[in-house]
Amino acid sequence: MIKVYVTTKEKKIKHILVSGHANFATYGKDIVCAGVSSIITTSINAILSFKETIKVIDKENLEIEVLENDLITDTLLKNMLDLLTNLEENYPKNISIVMKGK
């Protein structure tokens, strides 16, 4: 299962950690994994095309640290979370979003 941990502070996304594997299908045919990868990559690239308001750390897991909350960053992160939530609703055995914070 892919786990997406989202940390918020004052209703703003501050940190995202993505770990695990969807295990929906065999490697190369996993539509859940492909969906998650596409959503996250597109969102990161869109944010970074405007401003460096996020820091991406990619070791064994993907981590996104929000350096500055502004309208564009917040809008694109919310859109990313909405799309991932839609995947979670359709594939609850393969992706889980865990929200923590205030």
Protein backbone atom coordinates (compact mmCIF):
# COMPACT_ATOMS: atom_id res chain seq x y z
CA MET A 1 0.00 0.00 0.00
CA ILE A 2 1.13 3.54 -0.76
CA LYS A 3 0.96 5.74 2.33
CA VAL A 4 0.79 9.51 1.92
CA TYR A 5 1.46 11.36 5.18
CA VAL A 6 0.41 15.01 5.07
CA THR A 7 1.36 17.38 7.87
CA THR A 8 -0.50 20.66 8.17
CA LYS A 9 -0.16 23.71 10.34
CA GLU A 10 -2.87 26.37 10.49
CA LYS A 11 -4.65 24.59 7.58
CA LYS A 12 -1.58 24.90 5.34
CA ILE A 13 0.31 21.87 4.01
CA LYS A 14 3.83 21.89 5.45
CA HIS A 15 5.20 18.42 4.73
CA ILE A 16 4.33 15.37 2.62
CA LEU A 17 5.91 11.93 2.83
CA VAL A 18 5.05 9.22 0.29
CA SER A 19 6.14 5.64 0.91
CA GLY A 20 5.31 2.10 -0.05
CA HIS A 21 4.04 0.34 -3.17
CA ALA A 22 0.47 0.12 -4.44
CA ASN A 23 0.62 -3.61 -5.27
CA PHE A 24 -2.44 -3.24 -7.48
CA ALA A 25 -0.83 -5.09 -10.39
CA THR A 26 2.53 -6.40 -11.53
CA TYR A 27 5.46 -4.02 -12.01
CA GLY A 28 4.96 -1.89 -15.10
CA LYS A 29 1.19 -2.45 -15.14
CA ASP A 30 0.23 -0.89 -11.81
CA ILE A 31 -2.21 1.92 -12.63
CA VAL A 32 -2.41 3.11 -9.02
CA CYS A 33 1.36 3.53 -8.80
CA ALA A 34 1.40 5.26 -12.19
CA GLY A 35 -1.40 7.57 -11.09
CA VAL A 36 0.32 8.54 -7.87
CA SER A 37 3.63 9.11 -9.66
CA SER A 38 2.00 11.24 -12.35
CA ILE A 39 0.02 13.36 -9.90
CA ILE A 40 3.00 14.03 -7.65
CA THR A 41 5.53 14.64 -10.44
CA THR A 42 3.21 17.02 -12.28
CA SER A 43 2.44 18.93 -9.08
CA ILE A 44 6.09 19.25 -8.05
CA ASN A 45 7.13 20.40 -11.52
CA ALA A 46 4.30 22.94 -11.67
CA ILE A 47 5.21 24.44 -8.29
CA LEU A 48 8.92 24.59 -9.10
CA SER A 49 8.23 26.22 -12.48
CA PHE A 50 6.91 29.28 -10.63
CA LYS A 51 9.08 29.47 -7.52
CA GLU A 52 11.26 27.34 -5.29
CA THR A 53 8.75 27.22 -2.46
CA ILE A 54 9.22 23.50 -1.87
CA LYS A 55 12.18 21.23 -1.26
CA VAL A 56 12.03 17.69 -2.64
CA ILE A 57 13.93 14.93 -0.90
CA ASP A 58 13.98 11.59 -2.68
CA LYS A 59 15.81 8.83 -0.85
CA GLU A 60 13.87 5.63 -0.24
CA ASN A 61 10.69 7.64 0.13
CA LEU A 62 9.60 10.87 -1.50
CA GLU A 63 9.45 13.84 0.83
CA ILE A 64 8.17 17.30 0.04
CA GLU A 65 8.99 20.08 2.49
CA VAL A 66 7.08 23.32 2.01
CA LEU A 67 9.48 26.23 2.45
CA GLU A 68 6.97 28.99 1.77
CA ASN A 69 3.19 28.94 1.54
CA ASP A 70 1.87 31.23 -1.16
CA LEU A 71 -1.27 31.18 -3.33
CA ILE A 72 0.24 29.16 -6.19
CA THR A 73 1.98 26.61 -3.96
CA ASP A 74 -1.05 26.15 -1.72
CA THR A 75 -3.42 25.81 -4.69
CA LEU A 76 -1.25 23.23 -6.46
CA LEU A 77 -0.67 21.24 -3.25
CA LYS A 78 -4.40 21.22 -2.51
CA ASN A 79 -5.09 20.07 -6.07
CA MET A 80 -2.50 17.30 -5.67
CA LEU A 81 -4.11 16.18 -2.41
CA ASP A 82 -7.59 16.26 -4.00
CA LEU A 83 -6.40 14.04 -6.86
CA LEU A 84 -4.68 11.61 -4.47
CA THR A 85 -7.85 11.53 -2.34
CA ASN A 86 -9.83 10.59 -5.43
CA LEU A 87 -7.44 7.69 -6.04
CA GLU A 88 -7.78 6.67 -2.39
CA GLU A 89 -11.58 6.59 -2.72
CA ASN A 90 -11.36 4.36 -5.80
CA TYR A 91 -8.49 2.14 -4.61
CA PRO A 92 -8.69 2.02 -0.78
CA LYS A 93 -6.64 -1.20 -0.60
CA ASN A 94 -3.76 0.39 -2.49
CA ILE A 95 -3.39 3.99 -1.26
CA SER A 96 -4.02 5.63 2.09
CA ILE A 97 -3.72 9.29 3.03
CA VAL A 98 -2.93 10.11 6.65
CA MET A 99 -3.51 13.71 7.73
CA LYS A 100 -1.85 15.08 10.82
CA GLY A 101 -1.56 18.53 12.23
CA LYS A 102 -3.73 21.43 13.10
